[in-house]
Amino acid sequence: MKYVYMRLPELLEERGISRTKLTYDLNLQRSNVNRYYNNKAQRYDCELLAKLCEYLNCDISDLLELKEKD
């Protein structure tokens, strides 16, 4: 079975951006950022995904990946 994996940790590290900075710059709740960062989100908010892509200057396919469960 496959699952959606969010590459937020990798993208933030590549760009030298902390979760705190992301939270502040996008005016987000820390708990939401942590859920996305730790791949614990049950559902993804389309507006937030668009904000993340714009902020990180990436495509949705750079942010989300379909992976095989172990």
PDB file of N, CA and C in Angstrom:
ATOM      1  N   MET A   1       0.846  -1.174   0.000  1.00  0.00           N
ATOM      2  CA  MET A   1       0.000   0.000   0.000  1.00  0.00           C
ATOM      3  C   MET A   1       0.895   1.243   0.000  1.00  0.00           C
ATOM      4  N   LYS A   2       0.448   2.267  -0.680  1.00  0.00           N
ATOM      5  CA  LYS A   2       1.224   3.494  -0.794  1.00  0.00           C
ATOM      6  C   LYS A   2       0.660   4.575   0.114  1.00  0.00           C
ATOM      7  N   TYR A   3       1.475   5.577   0.372  1.00  0.00           N
ATOM      8  CA  TYR A   3       1.053   6.721   1.184  1.00  0.00           C
ATOM      9  C   TYR A   3       1.701   7.989   0.640  1.00  0.00           C
ATOM     10  N   VAL A   4       1.127   9.123   1.000  1.00  0.00           N
ATOM     11  CA  VAL A   4       1.658  10.414   0.578  1.00  0.00           C
ATOM     12  C   VAL A   4       2.689  10.871   1.609  1.00  0.00           C
ATOM     13  N   TYR A   5       3.876  11.166   1.136  1.00  0.00           N
ATOM     14  CA  TYR A   5       4.970  11.631   1.983  1.00  0.00           C
ATOM     15  C   TYR A   5       5.246  13.091   1.651  1.00  0.00           C
ATOM     16  N   MET A   6       5.303  13.934   2.673  1.00  0.00           N
ATOM     17  CA  MET A   6       5.620  15.346   2.465  1.00  0.00           C
ATOM     18  C   MET A   6       7.103  15.549   2.690  1.00  0.00           C
ATOM     19  N   ARG A   7       7.754  16.123   1.708  1.00  0.00           N
ATOM     20  CA  ARG A   7       9.204  16.342   1.736  1.00  0.00           C
ATOM     21  C   ARG A   7       9.588  17.663   2.404  1.00  0.00           C
ATOM     22  N   LEU A   8       8.748  18.168   3.283  1.00  0.00           N
ATOM     23  CA  LEU A   8       9.011  19.451   3.929  1.00  0.00           C
ATOM     24  C   LEU A   8      10.354  19.481   4.661  1.00  0.00           C
ATOM     25  N   PRO A   9      10.719  18.459   5.437  1.00  0.00           N
ATOM     26  CA  PRO A   9      12.016  18.529   6.124  1.00  0.00           C
ATOM     27  C   PRO A   9      13.190  18.691   5.153  1.00  0.00           C
ATOM     28  N   GLU A  10      13.155  17.943   4.070  1.00  0.00           N
ATOM     29  CA  GLU A  10      14.239  18.005   3.097  1.00  0.00           C
ATOM     30  C   GLU A  10      14.300  19.375   2.415  1.00  0.00           C
ATOM     31  N   LEU A  11      13.141  19.896   2.033  1.00  0.00           N
ATOM     32  CA  LEU A  11      13.106  21.183   1.343  1.00  0.00           C
ATOM     33  C   LEU A  11      13.558  22.325   2.254  1.00  0.00           C
ATOM     34  N   LEU A  12      13.132  22.291   3.512  1.00  0.00           N
ATOM     35  CA  LEU A  12      13.569  23.324   4.444  1.00  0.00           C
ATOM     36  C   LEU A  12      15.084  23.255   4.667  1.00  0.00           C
ATOM     37  N   GLU A  13      15.602  22.055   4.822  1.00  0.00           N
ATOM     38  CA  GLU A  13      17.040  21.898   5.036  1.00  0.00           C
ATOM     39  C   GLU A  13      17.827  22.384   3.823  1.00  0.00           C
ATOM     40  N   GLU A  14      17.380  22.013   2.624  1.00  0.00           N
ATOM     41  CA  GLU A  14      18.061  22.444   1.398  1.00  0.00           C
ATOM     42  C   GLU A  14      18.131  23.961   1.292  1.00  0.00           C
ATOM     43  N   ARG A  15      17.085  24.625   1.784  1.00  0.00           N
ATOM     44  CA  ARG A  15      17.000  26.078   1.648  1.00  0.00           C
ATOM     45  C   ARG A  15      17.483  26.832   2.897  1.00  0.00           C
ATOM     46  N   GLY A  16      17.868  26.082   3.930  1.00  0.00           N
ATOM     47  CA  GLY A  16      18.363  26.706   5.151  1.00  0.00           C
ATOM     48  C   GLY A  16      17.292  27.473   5.908  1.00  0.00           C
ATOM     49  N   ILE A  17      16.066  26.957   5.882  1.00  0.00           N
ATOM     50  CA  ILE A  17      14.929  27.610   6.539  1.00  0.00           C
ATOM     51  C   ILE A  17      14.506  26.762   7.741  1.00  0.00           C
ATOM     52  N   SER A  18      14.322  27.401   8.870  1.00  0.00           N
ATOM     53  CA  SER A  18      13.875  26.682  10.069  1.00  0.00           C
ATOM     54  C   SER A  18      12.338  26.607  10.084  1.00  0.00           C
ATOM     55  N   ARG A  19      11.831  25.691  10.871  1.00  0.00           N
ATOM     56  CA  ARG A  19      10.372  25.601  11.045  1.00  0.00           C
ATOM     57  C   ARG A  19       9.835  26.877  11.679  1.00  0.00           C
ATOM     58  N   THR A  20      10.604  27.451  12.587  1.00  0.00           N
ATOM     59  CA  THR A  20      10.180  28.694  13.240  1.00  0.00           C
ATOM     60  C   THR A  20      10.034  29.819  12.220  1.00  0.00           C
ATOM     61  N   LYS A  21      11.009  29.947  11.333  1.00  0.00           N
ATOM     62  CA  LYS A  21      10.948  30.984  10.295  1.00  0.00           C
ATOM     63  C   LYS A  21       9.767  30.749   9.365  1.00  0.00           C
ATOM     64  N   LEU A  22       9.568  29.509   8.954  1.00  0.00           N
ATOM     65  CA  LEU A  22       8.438  29.164   8.079  1.00  0.00           C
ATOM     66  C   LEU A  22       7.119  29.529   8.759  1.00  0.00           C
ATOM     67  N   THR A  23       6.991  29.153  10.018  1.00  0.00           N
ATOM     68  CA  THR A  23       5.784  29.446  10.793  1.00  0.00           C
ATOM     69  C   THR A  23       5.528  30.947  10.861  1.00  0.00           C
ATOM     70  N   TYR A  24       6.570  31.696  11.135  1.00  0.00           N
ATOM     71  CA  TYR A  24       6.454  33.150  11.254  1.00  0.00           C
ATOM     72  C   TYR A  24       6.146  33.793   9.893  1.00  0.00           C
ATOM     73  N   ASP A  25       6.928  33.432   8.873  1.00  0.00           N
ATOM     74  CA  ASP A  25       6.778  34.052   7.555  1.00  0.00           C
ATOM     75  C   ASP A  25       5.405  33.803   6.930  1.00  0.00           C
ATOM     76  N   LEU A  26       4.849  32.625   7.157  1.00  0.00           N
ATOM     77  CA  LEU A  26       3.549  32.290   6.566  1.00  0.00           C
ATOM     78  C   LEU A  26       2.389  32.472   7.543  1.00  0.00           C
ATOM     79  N   ASN A  27       2.706  32.946   8.747  1.00  0.00           N
ATOM     80  CA  ASN A  27       1.676  33.181   9.765  1.00  0.00           C
ATOM     81  C   ASN A  27       0.830  31.919  10.007  1.00  0.00           C
ATOM     82  N   LEU A  28       1.533  30.823  10.289  1.00  0.00           N
ATOM     83  CA  LEU A  28       0.880  29.529  10.490  1.00  0.00           C
ATOM     84  C   LEU A  28       0.954  29.130  11.958  1.00  0.00           C
ATOM     85  N   GLN A  29       0.114  28.185  12.326  1.00  0.00           N
ATOM     86  CA  GLN A  29       0.190  27.624  13.670  1.00  0.00           C
ATOM     87  C   GLN A  29       1.326  26.599  13.700  1.00  0.00           C
ATOM     88  N   ARG A  30       2.100  26.671  14.753  1.00  0.00           N
ATOM     89  CA  ARG A  30       3.246  25.757  14.894  1.00  0.00           C
ATOM     90  C   ARG A  30       2.799  24.290  14.841  1.00  0.00           C
ATOM     91  N   SER A  31       1.661  23.983  15.431  1.00  0.00           N
ATOM     92  CA  SER A  31       1.180  22.595  15.450  1.00  0.00           C
ATOM     93  C   SER A  31       0.899  22.081  14.031  1.00  0.00           C
ATOM     94  N   ASN A  32       0.379  22.935  13.153  1.00  0.00           N
ATOM     95  CA  ASN A  32       0.134  22.525  11.763  1.00  0.00           C
ATOM     96  C   ASN A  32       1.439  22.261  11.032  1.00  0.00           C
ATOM     97  N   VAL A  33       2.400  23.142  11.228  1.00  0.00           N
ATOM     98  CA  VAL A  33       3.703  22.959  10.588  1.00  0.00           C
ATOM     99  C   VAL A  33       4.344  21.672  11.084  1.00  0.00           C
ATOM    100  N   ASN A  34       4.262  21.416  12.378  1.00  0.00           N
ATOM    101  CA  ASN A  34       4.845  20.188  12.935  1.00  0.00           C
ATOM    102  C   ASN A  34       4.176  18.937  12.384  1.00  0.00           C
ATOM    103  N   ARG A  35       2.871  18.962  12.222  1.00  0.00           N
ATOM    104  CA  ARG A  35       2.165  17.808  11.645  1.00  0.00           C
ATOM    105  C   ARG A  35       2.645  17.537  10.221  1.00  0.00           C
ATOM    106  N   TYR A  36       2.766  18.572   9.434  1.00  0.00           N
ATOM    107  CA  TYR A  36       3.246  18.420   8.060  1.00  0.00           C
ATOM    108  C   TYR A  36       4.709  17.968   8.055  1.00  0.00           C
ATOM    109  N   TYR A  37       5.512  18.600   8.882  1.00  0.00           N
ATOM    110  CA  TYR A  37       6.942  18.298   8.950  1.00  0.00           C
ATOM    111  C   TYR A  37       7.190  16.839   9.354  1.00  0.00           C
ATOM    112  N   ASN A  38       6.405  16.363  10.299  1.00  0.00           N
ATOM    113  CA  ASN A  38       6.569  14.994  10.810  1.00  0.00           C
ATOM    114  C   ASN A  38       5.719  13.967  10.077  1.00  0.00           C
ATOM    115  N   ASN A  39       5.095  14.372   8.987  1.00  0.00           N
ATOM    116  CA  ASN A  39       4.254  13.491   8.182  1.00  0.00           C
ATOM    117  C   ASN A  39       3.171  12.819   9.015  1.00  0.00           C
ATOM    118  N   LYS A  40       2.532  13.608   9.858  1.00  0.00           N
ATOM    119  CA  LYS A  40       1.450  13.117  10.706  1.00  0.00           C
ATOM    120  C   LYS A  40       0.091  13.667  10.274  1.00  0.00           C
ATOM    121  N   ALA A  41       0.069  14.467   9.213  1.00  0.00           N
ATOM    122  CA  ALA A  41      -1.189  15.062   8.752  1.00  0.00           C
ATOM    123  C   ALA A  41      -2.104  13.982   8.172  1.00  0.00           C
ATOM    124  N   GLN A  42      -3.364  14.050   8.530  1.00  0.00           N
ATOM    125  CA  GLN A  42      -4.356  13.125   7.996  1.00  0.00           C
ATOM    126  C   GLN A  42      -4.925  13.643   6.678  1.00  0.00           C
ATOM    127  N   ARG A  43      -4.987  14.972   6.581  1.00  0.00           N
ATOM    128  CA  ARG A  43      -5.498  15.634   5.382  1.00  0.00           C
ATOM    129  C   ARG A  43      -4.611  16.832   5.083  1.00  0.00           C
ATOM    130  N   TYR A  44      -4.547  17.170   3.817  1.00  0.00           N
ATOM    131  CA  TYR A  44      -3.739  18.312   3.404  1.00  0.00           C
ATOM    132  C   TYR A  44      -4.645  19.445   2.941  1.00  0.00           C
ATOM    133  N   ASP A  45      -4.375  20.630   3.438  1.00  0.00           N
ATOM    134  CA  ASP A  45      -5.125  21.820   3.082  1.00  0.00           C
ATOM    135  C   ASP A  45      -4.548  22.379   1.776  1.00  0.00           C
ATOM    136  N   CYS A  46      -5.392  22.496   0.749  1.00  0.00           N
ATOM    137  CA  CYS A  46      -4.932  22.951  -0.574  1.00  0.00           C
ATOM    138  C   CYS A  46      -4.340  24.353  -0.524  1.00  0.00           C
ATOM    139  N   GLU A  47      -4.946  25.230   0.237  1.00  0.00           N
ATOM    140  CA  GLU A  47      -4.442  26.599   0.345  1.00  0.00           C
ATOM    141  C   GLU A  47      -3.062  26.614   0.992  1.00  0.00           C
ATOM    142  N   LEU A  48      -2.889  25.806   2.025  1.00  0.00           N
ATOM    143  CA  LEU A  48      -1.594  25.737   2.699  1.00  0.00           C
ATOM    144  C   LEU A  48      -0.535  25.111   1.791  1.00  0.00           C
ATOM    145  N   LEU A  49      -0.916  24.093   1.032  1.00  0.00           N
ATOM    146  CA  LEU A  49       0.028  23.494   0.085  1.00  0.00           C
ATOM    147  C   LEU A  49       0.484  24.523  -0.938  1.00  0.00           C
ATOM    148  N   ALA A  50      -0.445  25.336  -1.423  1.00  0.00           N
ATOM    149  CA  ALA A  50      -0.102  26.383  -2.391  1.00  0.00           C
ATOM    150  C   ALA A  50       0.848  27.405  -1.760  1.00  0.00           C
ATOM    151  N   LYS A  51       0.585  27.787  -0.502  1.00  0.00           N
ATOM    152  CA  LYS A  51       1.462  28.732   0.199  1.00  0.00           C
ATOM    153  C   LYS A  51       2.866  28.158   0.354  1.00  0.00           C
ATOM    154  N   LEU A  52       2.939  26.885   0.733  1.00  0.00           N
ATOM    155  CA  LEU A  52       4.240  26.240   0.901  1.00  0.00           C
ATOM    156  C   LEU A  52       5.005  26.190  -0.416  1.00  0.00           C
ATOM    157  N   CYS A  53       4.325  25.842  -1.486  1.00  0.00           N
ATOM    158  CA  CYS A  53       4.979  25.774  -2.800  1.00  0.00           C
ATOM    159  C   CYS A  53       5.486  27.146  -3.226  1.00  0.00           C
ATOM    160  N   GLU A  54       4.670  28.158  -3.010  1.00  0.00           N
ATOM    161  CA  GLU A  54       5.080  29.516  -3.383  1.00  0.00           C
ATOM    162  C   GLU A  54       6.266  29.969  -2.524  1.00  0.00           C
ATOM    163  N   TYR A  55       6.181  29.738  -1.229  1.00  0.00           N
ATOM    164  CA  TYR A  55       7.242  30.152  -0.306  1.00  0.00           C
ATOM    165  C   TYR A  55       8.559  29.430  -0.602  1.00  0.00           C
ATOM    166  N   LEU A  56       8.459  28.130  -0.882  1.00  0.00           N
ATOM    167  CA  LEU A  56       9.652  27.316  -1.126  1.00  0.00           C
ATOM    168  C   LEU A  56      10.084  27.326  -2.592  1.00  0.00           C
ATOM    169  N   ASN A  57       9.309  28.033  -3.417  1.00  0.00           N
ATOM    170  CA  ASN A  57       9.595  28.115  -4.847  1.00  0.00           C
ATOM    171  C   ASN A  57       9.746  26.715  -5.454  1.00  0.00           C
ATOM    172  N   CYS A  58       8.713  25.911  -5.255  1.00  0.00           N
ATOM    173  CA  CYS A  58       8.743  24.544  -5.761  1.00  0.00           C
ATOM    174  C   CYS A  58       7.376  24.165  -6.326  1.00  0.00           C
ATOM    175  N   ASP A  59       7.327  23.049  -7.005  1.00  0.00           N
ATOM    176  CA  ASP A  59       6.069  22.500  -7.503  1.00  0.00           C
ATOM    177  C   ASP A  59       5.501  21.541  -6.474  1.00  0.00           C
ATOM    178  N   ILE A  60       4.229  21.255  -6.617  1.00  0.00           N
ATOM    179  CA  ILE A  60       3.573  20.320  -5.691  1.00  0.00           C
ATOM    180  C   ILE A  60       4.265  18.949  -5.736  1.00  0.00           C
ATOM    181  N   SER A  61       4.775  18.580  -6.902  1.00  0.00           N
ATOM    182  CA  SER A  61       5.456  17.285  -7.029  1.00  0.00           C
ATOM    183  C   SER A  61       6.805  17.276  -6.305  1.00  0.00           C
ATOM    184  N   ASP A  62       7.360  18.464  -6.029  1.00  0.00           N
ATOM    185  CA  ASP A  62       8.583  18.547  -5.230  1.00  0.00           C
ATOM    186  C   ASP A  62       8.272  18.402  -3.745  1.00  0.00           C
ATOM    187  N   LEU A  63       7.065  18.790  -3.374  1.00  0.00           N
ATOM    188  CA  LEU A  63       6.657  18.803  -1.969  1.00  0.00           C
ATOM    189  C   LEU A  63       6.057  17.466  -1.529  1.00  0.00           C
ATOM    190  N   LEU A  64       5.260  16.859  -2.403  1.00  0.00           N
ATOM    191  CA  LEU A  64       4.581  15.607  -2.067  1.00  0.00           C
ATOM    192  C   LEU A  64       5.104  14.466  -2.924  1.00  0.00           C
ATOM    193  N   GLU A  65       5.231  13.308  -2.304  1.00  0.00           N
ATOM    194  CA  GLU A  65       5.750  12.134  -2.993  1.00  0.00           C
ATOM    195  C   GLU A  65       4.909  10.924  -2.595  1.00  0.00           C
ATOM    196  N   LEU A  66       4.637  10.063  -3.533  1.00  0.00           N
ATOM    197  CA  LEU A  66       3.911   8.830  -3.251  1.00  0.00           C
ATOM    198  C   LEU A  66       4.939   7.742  -2.970  1.00  0.00           C
ATOM    199  N   LYS A  67       4.872   7.169  -1.755  1.00  0.00           N
ATOM    200  CA  LYS A  67       5.861   6.165  -1.341  1.00  0.00           C
ATOM    201  C   LYS A  67       5.164   4.850  -1.002  1.00  0.00           C
ATOM    202  N   GLU A  68       5.942   3.803  -1.073  1.00  0.00           N
ATOM    203  CA  GLU A  68       5.473   2.477  -0.718  1.00  0.00           C
ATOM    204  C   GLU A  68       5.647   2.285   0.783  1.00  0.00           C
ATOM    205  N   LYS A  69       4.589   1.802   1.469  1.00  0.00           N
ATOM    206  CA  LYS A  69       4.711   1.517   2.898  1.00  0.00           C
ATOM    207  C   LYS A  69       5.638   0.328   3.109  1.00  0.00           C
ATOM    208  N   ASP A  70       6.404   0.391   4.201  1.00  0.00           N
ATOM    209  CA  ASP A  70       7.345  -0.705   4.514  1.00  0.00           C
ATOM    210  C   ASP A  70       6.627  -1.930   4.990  1.00  0.00           C
TER     211      ASP A  70
END
